[in-house]
C-alpha atoms as a PDB file:
ATOM      1  CA  MET A   1    -147.283 -65.271 223.586  1.00  0.00           C
ATOM      2  CA  PRO A   2    -149.525 -68.465 224.798  1.00  0.00           C
ATOM      3  CA  GLU A   3    -148.001 -71.757 223.068  1.00  0.00           C
ATOM      4  CA  VAL A   4    -151.271 -73.472 221.038  1.00  0.00           C
ATOM      5  CA  THR A   5    -149.402 -76.953 220.532  1.00  0.00           C
ATOM      6  CA  ARG A   6    -146.186 -78.297 219.918  1.00  0.00           C
ATOM      7  CA  PHE A   7    -145.119 -81.448 217.268  1.00  0.00           C
ATOM      8  CA  TYR A   8    -141.704 -82.613 215.747  1.00  0.00           C
ATOM      9  CA  GLY A   9    -139.885 -79.760 217.574  1.00  0.00           C
ATOM     10  CA  ILE A  10    -142.214 -77.446 216.304  1.00  0.00           C
ATOM     11  CA  THR A  11    -144.050 -74.638 218.390  1.00  0.00           C
ATOM     12  CA  ILE A  12    -147.395 -72.823 217.352  1.00  0.00           C
ATOM     13  CA  LYS A  13    -148.034 -69.584 219.161  1.00  0.00           C
ATOM     14  CA  VAL A  14    -150.646 -66.654 219.052  1.00  0.00           C
ATOM     15  CA  PHE A  15    -150.373 -63.331 220.476  1.00  0.00           C
ATOM     16  CA  PHE A  16    -153.564 -61.727 220.723  1.00  0.00           C
ATOM     17  CA  GLY A  17    -152.040 -58.138 220.528  1.00  0.00           C
ATOM     18  CA  ASP A  18    -150.429 -58.798 217.363  1.00  0.00           C
ATOM     19  CA  HIS A  19    -151.316 -56.892 214.153  1.00  0.00           C
ATOM     20  CA  PRO A  20    -153.574 -58.170 211.119  1.00  0.00           C
ATOM     21  CA  PRO A  21    -154.000 -60.406 209.128  1.00  0.00           C
ATOM     22  CA  PRO A  22    -155.173 -63.275 211.783  1.00  0.00           C
ATOM     23  CA  HIS A  23    -151.687 -65.294 211.926  1.00  0.00           C
ATOM     24  CA  PHE A  24    -150.081 -67.319 214.091  1.00  0.00           C
ATOM     25  CA  HIS A  25    -146.251 -67.842 214.957  1.00  0.00           C
ATOM     26  CA  ALA A  26    -144.437 -71.285 213.792  1.00  0.00           C
ATOM     27  CA  ILE A  27    -140.881 -71.750 215.566  1.00  0.00           C
ATOM     28  CA  TYR A  28    -138.830 -74.703 215.094  1.00  0.00           C
ATOM     29  CA  GLY A  29    -135.108 -74.146 215.993  1.00  0.00           C
ATOM     30  CA  GLU A  30    -133.891 -70.939 215.048  1.00  0.00           C
ATOM     31  CA  PHE A  31    -136.556 -70.500 212.346  1.00  0.00           C
ATOM     32  CA  ASN A  32    -139.229 -68.473 213.317  1.00  0.00           C
ATOM     33  CA  ALA A  33    -142.794 -68.212 210.179  1.00  0.00           C
ATOM     34  CA  LEU A  34    -145.829 -65.950 210.391  1.00  0.00           C
ATOM     35  CA  ILE A  35    -148.448 -67.929 208.791  1.00  0.00           C
ATOM     36  CA  SER A  36    -151.640 -66.358 208.031  1.00  0.00           C
ATOM     37  CA  ILE A  37    -154.993 -68.243 209.572  1.00  0.00           C
ATOM     38  CA  GLU A  38    -156.936 -67.371 206.302  1.00  0.00           C
ATOM     39  CA  SER A  39    -154.977 -68.762 203.404  1.00  0.00           C
ATOM     40  CA  LEU A  40    -152.234 -70.397 205.236  1.00  0.00           C
ATOM     41  CA  GLU A  41    -149.305 -68.526 203.295  1.00  0.00           C
ATOM     42  CA  ILE A  42    -146.191 -67.669 205.170  1.00  0.00           C
ATOM     43  CA  ILE A  43    -146.312 -63.966 205.370  1.00  0.00           C
ATOM     44  CA  GLU A  44    -143.142 -62.926 206.910  1.00  0.00           C
ATOM     45  CA  GLY A  45    -140.001 -65.326 207.994  1.00  0.00           C
ATOM     46  CA  ASP A  46    -139.175 -68.628 206.655  1.00  0.00           C
ATOM     47  CA  LEU A  47    -139.161 -72.213 207.707  1.00  0.00           C
ATOM     48  CA  PRO A  48    -137.181 -75.178 206.335  1.00  0.00           C
ATOM     49  CA  SER A  49    -139.426 -76.899 203.647  1.00  0.00           C
ATOM     50  CA  ARG A  50    -140.052 -80.267 205.800  1.00  0.00           C
ATOM     51  CA  ALA A  51    -141.329 -78.083 208.773  1.00  0.00           C
ATOM     52  CA  GLU A  52    -143.540 -75.742 206.595  1.00  0.00           C
ATOM     53  CA  LYS A  53    -145.444 -78.713 205.179  1.00  0.00           C
ATOM     54  CA  LEU A  54    -146.294 -80.267 208.416  1.00  0.00           C
ATOM     55  CA  VAL A  55    -147.203 -76.682 209.889  1.00  0.00           C
ATOM     56  CA  ILE A  56    -149.359 -76.578 206.686  1.00  0.00           C
ATOM     57  CA  GLU A  57    -151.156 -79.723 207.123  1.00  0.00           C
ATOM     58  CA  TRP A  58    -152.202 -79.259 211.021  1.00  0.00           C
ATOM     59  CA  ALA A  59    -153.042 -75.666 210.298  1.00  0.00           C
ATOM     60  CA  LYS A  60    -155.575 -77.235 207.654  1.00  0.00           C
ATOM     61  CA  LEU A  61    -156.826 -78.995 210.305  1.00  0.00           C
ATOM     62  CA  TYR A  62    -157.373 -76.523 213.259  1.00  0.00           C
ATOM     63  CA  GLN A  63    -157.723 -73.407 210.455  1.00  0.00           C
ATOM     64  CA  ASN A  64    -161.316 -73.036 211.785  1.00  0.00           C
ATOM     65  CA  GLU A  65    -160.290 -73.194 215.634  1.00  0.00           C
ATOM     66  CA  LEU A  66    -157.435 -70.730 215.042  1.00  0.00           C
ATOM     67  CA  LEU A  67    -159.356 -67.909 213.293  1.00  0.00           C
ATOM     68  CA  ASN A  68    -162.041 -68.360 216.173  1.00  0.00           C
ATOM     69  CA  MET A  69    -159.366 -68.135 218.700  1.00  0.00           C
ATOM     70  CA  TRP A  70    -157.513 -64.847 216.673  1.00  0.00           C
ATOM     71  CA  ASN A  71    -161.186 -63.316 216.790  1.00  0.00           C
ATOM     72  CA  THR A  72    -162.437 -63.829 220.031  1.00  0.00           C
ATOM     73  CA  GLN A  73    -159.305 -63.678 222.025  1.00  0.00           C
ATOM     74  CA  ASP A  74    -160.070 -66.545 223.442  1.00  0.00           C
ATOM     75  CA  PHE A  75    -156.850 -69.009 223.951  1.00  0.00           C
ATOM     76  CA  CYS A  76    -157.398 -72.589 224.030  1.00  0.00           C
ATOM     77  CA  LYS A  77    -154.640 -75.571 223.504  1.00  0.00           C
ATOM     78  CA  LEU A  78    -155.119 -77.524 220.214  1.00  0.00           C
ATOM     79  CA  PRO A  79    -153.743 -81.118 219.472  1.00  0.00           C
ATOM     80  CA  PRO A  80    -150.799 -81.801 217.676  1.00  0.00           C
ATOM     81  CA  LEU A  81    -150.079 -83.274 214.582  1.00  0.00           C
ATOM     82  CA  LYS A  82    -149.725 -86.884 214.758  1.00  0.00           C
END
C-alpha cells in the first residue's frame, strides 16, 4: 500500500486494488481507520479524537488530489499537515 504522506505519527496510505467507496487509510499506532474521500467520514475502524481531527484537516486540503489519485490510480506523494 503506497504511503501518501506522514505527519504527527499518522501515516496516510492508498491501496488502488481496494473496494469502493473511494477511501484512504489512516494509521496511528495501533489504530487504523478507512476514511471516505468524498464525505471525509470514518467508514471503518477508529482513531483517537485528536488524530481524527488532524487527518480530516489534512484531507480537506487534499480531497481533490486524493479523489483524482483514486480515480486515475496514478500515485503521488502529498505534503504533510504543517
